[in-house]
Amino acid sequence: MAPARKTLLTGLATFVAGLALWLFGLDVEIVVFTPTKVGMVLMVIGGLEVLYGLYKTVRGDSEVRR
């Protein structure tokens, strides 16, 4: 699989995991962290990774570097 596509899929998976925590972690309280806040952080990181994967796809970064 091309590196750009891997980055894109990993970002989407991270975003979806964050979205699930954000949506379904509202009633849960854990002493160390709040699932909704962790979900928001994961959604931001996943979104940035998706944007980077799209950038790599458009740029054509799958070429072999010297």
Protein backbone atom coordinates (compact mmCIF):
# COMPACT_ATOMS: atom_id res chain seq x y z
CA MET A 1 0.00 0.00 0.00
CA ALA A 2 1.28 3.47 -0.82
CA PRO A 3 2.52 5.56 2.13
CA ALA A 4 0.05 8.35 1.33
CA ARG A 5 -2.89 5.94 1.41
CA LYS A 6 -1.67 4.42 4.70
CA THR A 7 -1.50 7.87 6.26
CA LEU A 8 -4.99 8.66 5.00
CA LEU A 9 -6.50 5.43 6.35
CA THR A 10 -4.73 5.75 9.69
CA GLY A 11 -6.02 9.29 10.06
CA LEU A 12 -9.56 8.18 9.26
CA ALA A 13 -9.36 5.36 11.82
CA THR A 14 -8.06 7.75 14.47
CA PHE A 15 -10.81 10.24 13.69
CA VAL A 16 -13.52 7.57 13.90
CA ALA A 17 -12.14 6.27 17.23
CA GLY A 18 -12.16 9.81 18.60
CA LEU A 19 -15.67 10.38 17.33
CA ALA A 20 -16.85 7.20 19.06
CA LEU A 21 -15.28 8.29 22.34
CA TRP A 22 -16.77 11.74 22.00
CA LEU A 23 -20.27 10.47 21.22
CA PHE A 24 -20.51 7.53 23.61
CA GLY A 25 -18.27 8.66 26.47
CA LEU A 26 -20.54 11.40 27.77
CA ASP A 27 -21.84 9.51 30.80
CA VAL A 28 -18.52 7.90 31.75
CA GLU A 29 -16.17 9.55 34.22
CA ILE A 30 -12.70 8.12 34.79
CA VAL A 31 -10.46 9.62 37.46
CA VAL A 32 -7.46 10.17 35.19
CA PHE A 33 -9.16 11.51 32.04
CA THR A 34 -12.50 12.31 30.46
CA PRO A 35 -13.35 10.21 27.39
CA THR A 36 -15.02 13.12 25.62
CA LYS A 37 -11.87 15.25 25.90
CA VAL A 38 -9.66 12.39 24.73
CA GLY A 39 -12.10 11.87 21.86
CA MET A 40 -11.77 15.51 20.81
CA VAL A 41 -7.98 15.27 20.88
CA LEU A 42 -8.07 12.10 18.78
CA MET A 43 -10.45 13.74 16.30
CA VAL A 44 -8.10 16.71 15.88
CA ILE A 45 -5.05 14.47 15.45
CA GLY A 46 -6.95 12.20 13.04
CA GLY A 47 -8.18 15.20 11.04
CA LEU A 48 -4.65 16.57 10.75
CA GLU A 49 -3.38 13.17 9.66
CA VAL A 50 -6.11 12.91 7.02
CA LEU A 51 -5.14 16.34 5.70
CA TYR A 52 -1.49 15.29 5.59
CA GLY A 53 -2.44 12.09 3.74
CA LEU A 54 -4.43 14.11 1.21
CA TYR A 55 -1.48 16.46 0.80
CA LYS A 56 0.86 13.52 0.19
CA THR A 57 -1.60 12.05 -2.31
CA VAL A 58 -1.95 15.28 -4.28
CA ARG A 59 1.78 15.98 -4.14
CA GLY A 60 2.63 12.48 -5.32
CA ASP A 61 4.93 11.67 -2.42
CA SER A 62 4.99 7.96 -3.21
CA GLU A 63 8.12 8.43 -5.31
CA VAL A 64 11.35 6.85 -4.10
CA ARG A 65 13.59 9.43 -2.47
CA ARG A 66 17.30 9.51 -3.03
